[in-house]
Amino acid sequence: MSSVKEKNIAKIETTYVHQQEIAEIASARKRKLLFRRLTLFSVFAVIMSYLMITSFVSQSSTLDKKVAQKKQLEQELVQLKKQQEILKEDIVKLNDDDYLAKLARKEYFFSENGEIIFNIPEEKEGKNNQ
């Protein structure tokens, strides 16, 4: 019952109206290009941000691993230096004849003339704890 009536309106065909229509089309095209450029820039910025953040995180984790490894190696170096000092002291001691004689009597049960060696067994740690 209610029908849509089409309105027949004629357009004014002047140069001003024509220029305005061209300006509206150009404005719409500029707006569309602006949105495309902004979208493209945003995508590029997001990609670059992602790459920078992942690079930073991976470098940070690698740095943490290297720092931990450095600490471990420094501790190992300290232990090796202590061991080296002990070995140097042993070298000095082994050059002493009195120390060698004492070591031979203790470890290999060598004795001097007229000396008797008694071997006393050491107690085990389990018996000491109980």
Foldseek 3Di string as FASTA:
>chain_A
DDDDDDDDDDDDDDVVVVVVVVVVVVVVVVVVVVVVVVVVVVVVVVVVVVVVVVVVVVVVVVVVVVVVVVVVVVVVVVVVVVVVVVVVVVVVLVVDPVSVVVCCCVPVVDDDPPDDDDDDDDDDPVVVVD
